[in-house]
Amino acid sequence: MIQAGLSPIPFVINHNTHQLEYGTTIFTLETNLLG
């Protein structure tokens, strides 16, 4: 998982709160990867 390698903490925070605050780019990449 590239997201986990880049920033695991912001990824988890964004995934739980569903808010683009800390890892906006990470969230976008994760969404694109999941499709």
N, C-alpha and C. Protein backbone atom coordinates (compact mmCIF):
# COMPACT_ATOMS: atom_id res chain seq x y z
N MET A 1 0.84 -1.20 0.00
CA MET A 1 0.00 0.00 0.00
C MET A 1 0.88 1.25 0.00
N ILE A 2 0.75 2.04 -1.07
CA ILE A 2 1.57 3.24 -1.18
C ILE A 2 1.16 4.27 -0.13
N GLN A 3 -0.15 4.39 0.10
CA GLN A 3 -0.66 5.37 1.06
C GLN A 3 -0.07 5.11 2.44
N ALA A 4 -0.08 3.85 2.85
CA ALA A 4 0.42 3.48 4.17
C ALA A 4 1.91 3.80 4.28
N GLY A 5 2.62 3.65 3.14
CA GLY A 5 4.05 3.92 3.15
C GLY A 5 4.34 5.41 3.23
N LEU A 6 3.48 6.20 2.60
CA LEU A 6 3.68 7.65 2.60
C LEU A 6 3.31 8.24 3.95
N SER A 7 2.07 8.06 4.35
CA SER A 7 1.62 8.63 5.62
C SER A 7 0.50 7.78 6.20
N PRO A 8 0.83 6.85 7.06
CA PRO A 8 -0.16 5.94 7.64
C PRO A 8 -1.11 6.65 8.60
N ILE A 9 -0.60 7.61 9.36
CA ILE A 9 -1.43 8.29 10.36
C ILE A 9 -2.49 9.17 9.71
N PRO A 10 -2.12 10.08 8.78
CA PRO A 10 -3.12 10.93 8.12
C PRO A 10 -4.13 10.10 7.36
N PHE A 11 -3.66 8.99 6.78
CA PHE A 11 -4.55 8.12 6.01
C PHE A 11 -5.64 7.57 6.92
N VAL A 12 -5.24 7.11 8.10
CA VAL A 12 -6.20 6.55 9.05
C VAL A 12 -7.17 7.62 9.53
N ILE A 13 -6.62 8.81 9.84
CA ILE A 13 -7.45 9.91 10.33
C ILE A 13 -8.49 10.29 9.29
N ASN A 14 -8.06 10.46 8.05
CA ASN A 14 -8.98 10.84 6.98
C ASN A 14 -10.01 9.76 6.72
N HIS A 15 -9.57 8.50 6.83
CA HIS A 15 -10.47 7.39 6.54
C HIS A 15 -11.55 7.27 7.62
N ASN A 16 -11.19 7.64 8.85
CA ASN A 16 -12.14 7.53 9.95
C ASN A 16 -13.08 8.73 10.01
N THR A 17 -12.53 9.92 9.86
CA THR A 17 -13.33 11.13 9.99
C THR A 17 -13.95 11.56 8.67
N HIS A 18 -13.43 10.98 7.56
CA HIS A 18 -13.93 11.33 6.23
C HIS A 18 -13.76 12.82 5.96
N GLN A 19 -12.66 13.39 6.46
CA GLN A 19 -12.44 14.82 6.24
C GLN A 19 -11.07 15.05 5.61
N LEU A 20 -11.03 15.94 4.63
CA LEU A 20 -9.78 16.25 3.95
C LEU A 20 -9.08 17.38 4.69
N GLU A 21 -8.33 17.00 5.72
CA GLU A 21 -7.70 18.03 6.53
C GLU A 21 -6.18 17.90 6.51
N TYR A 22 -5.69 16.68 6.78
CA TYR A 22 -4.25 16.50 6.90
C TYR A 22 -3.65 15.88 5.65
N GLY A 23 -4.28 14.80 5.15
CA GLY A 23 -3.72 14.14 3.97
C GLY A 23 -4.69 14.18 2.82
N THR A 24 -4.86 15.36 2.24
CA THR A 24 -5.82 15.50 1.14
C THR A 24 -5.36 14.69 -0.06
N THR A 25 -4.08 14.80 -0.37
CA THR A 25 -3.54 14.07 -1.52
C THR A 25 -3.61 12.58 -1.27
N ILE A 26 -3.28 12.16 -0.07
CA ILE A 26 -3.31 10.74 0.28
C ILE A 26 -4.72 10.21 0.14
N PHE A 27 -5.68 10.99 0.59
CA PHE A 27 -7.08 10.57 0.51
C PHE A 27 -7.51 10.41 -0.94
N THR A 28 -7.09 11.34 -1.77
CA THR A 28 -7.44 11.29 -3.19
C THR A 28 -6.82 10.07 -3.85
N LEU A 29 -5.55 9.79 -3.54
CA LEU A 29 -4.87 8.63 -4.11
C LEU A 29 -5.56 7.36 -3.67
N GLU A 30 -5.92 7.30 -2.39
CA GLU A 30 -6.56 6.11 -1.85
C GLU A 30 -7.90 5.87 -2.53
N THR A 31 -8.64 6.95 -2.77
CA THR A 31 -9.95 6.83 -3.42
C THR A 31 -9.79 6.33 -4.85
N ASN A 32 -8.78 6.85 -5.55
CA ASN A 32 -8.55 6.45 -6.93
C ASN A 32 -8.11 4.99 -7.02
N LEU A 33 -7.30 4.55 -6.06
CA LEU A 33 -6.81 3.17 -6.07
C LEU A 33 -7.95 2.21 -5.81
N LEU A 34 -8.84 2.57 -4.89
CA LEU A 34 -9.97 1.69 -4.57
C LEU A 34 -10.98 1.70 -5.70
N GLY A 35 -10.99 2.80 -6.46
CA GLY A 35 -11.90 2.89 -7.59
C GLY A 35 -13.24 3.42 -7.18
